[in-house]
Amino acid sequence: MTELEERKKALELLPQFQGLTINEIISVLHWLQAYVQDYQRFEISNELVSHQEEIESSHDSV
């Protein structure tokens, strides 16, 4: 996703923050950041496991 697309997506989400205080918005953003980091770690972990399984599979077939 390009930076412009990211900005457009952020603007689309803006109305959902109406009625929240600045501290509540900051809390939501921190939660989202943590969620994304956890998701990225999960994806990296899955990729490593998948790669390890491929290595083990290739060793088994030798």
Protein backbone atom coordinates (compact mmCIF):
# COMPACT_ATOMS: atom_id res chain seq x y z
CA MET A 1 0.00 0.00 0.00
CA THR A 2 1.41 3.39 -0.96
CA GLU A 3 1.65 6.26 1.49
CA LEU A 4 -1.19 8.03 -0.33
CA GLU A 5 -3.40 4.95 -0.03
CA GLU A 6 -2.55 4.69 3.66
CA ARG A 7 -3.53 8.33 4.19
CA LYS A 8 -6.82 7.83 2.35
CA LYS A 9 -7.58 4.77 4.47
CA ALA A 10 -6.79 6.73 7.63
CA LEU A 11 -9.18 9.49 6.56
CA GLU A 12 -11.91 6.90 5.99
CA LEU A 13 -11.48 5.72 9.58
CA LEU A 14 -11.56 9.22 11.08
CA PRO A 15 -15.36 9.39 11.61
CA GLN A 16 -15.15 6.31 13.84
CA PHE A 17 -13.07 8.34 16.30
CA GLN A 18 -15.70 11.06 16.69
CA GLY A 19 -16.84 11.43 20.27
CA LEU A 20 -13.66 9.98 21.72
CA THR A 21 -11.26 12.01 23.83
CA ILE A 22 -7.66 12.46 22.72
CA ASN A 23 -6.53 9.98 25.38
CA GLU A 24 -9.07 7.40 24.17
CA ILE A 25 -7.89 7.86 20.58
CA ILE A 26 -4.28 7.48 21.68
CA SER A 27 -5.23 4.30 23.56
CA VAL A 28 -6.93 2.88 20.46
CA LEU A 29 -3.89 3.71 18.33
CA HIS A 30 -1.54 2.07 20.84
CA TRP A 31 -3.75 -1.02 20.87
CA LEU A 32 -3.73 -1.12 17.05
CA GLN A 33 0.03 -0.76 16.98
CA ALA A 34 0.45 -3.64 19.44
CA TYR A 35 -2.03 -5.74 17.44
CA VAL A 36 -0.12 -5.14 14.20
CA GLN A 37 3.20 -5.97 15.86
CA ASP A 38 1.77 -9.20 17.27
CA TYR A 39 0.30 -10.08 13.87
CA GLN A 40 3.65 -9.42 12.17
CA ARG A 41 5.43 -11.60 14.74
CA PHE A 42 2.84 -14.32 14.15
CA GLU A 43 3.38 -14.10 10.38
CA ILE A 44 7.16 -14.21 10.77
CA SER A 45 6.86 -17.13 13.19
CA ASN A 46 4.61 -19.04 10.77
CA GLU A 47 7.06 -18.37 7.94
CA LEU A 48 9.96 -19.70 10.03
CA VAL A 49 8.02 -22.83 11.02
CA SER A 50 7.02 -23.41 7.40
CA HIS A 51 10.61 -22.97 6.26
CA GLN A 52 11.86 -25.34 8.98
CA GLU A 53 9.28 -27.95 7.92
CA GLU A 54 10.47 -27.64 4.31
CA ILE A 55 14.07 -28.18 5.41
CA GLU A 56 13.13 -31.20 7.52
CA SER A 57 11.04 -32.60 4.68
CA SER A 58 13.92 -32.25 2.22
CA HIS A 59 16.26 -33.97 4.69
CA ASP A 60 13.79 -36.81 5.16
CA SER A 61 13.59 -37.43 1.42
CA VAL A 62 17.38 -37.74 1.07
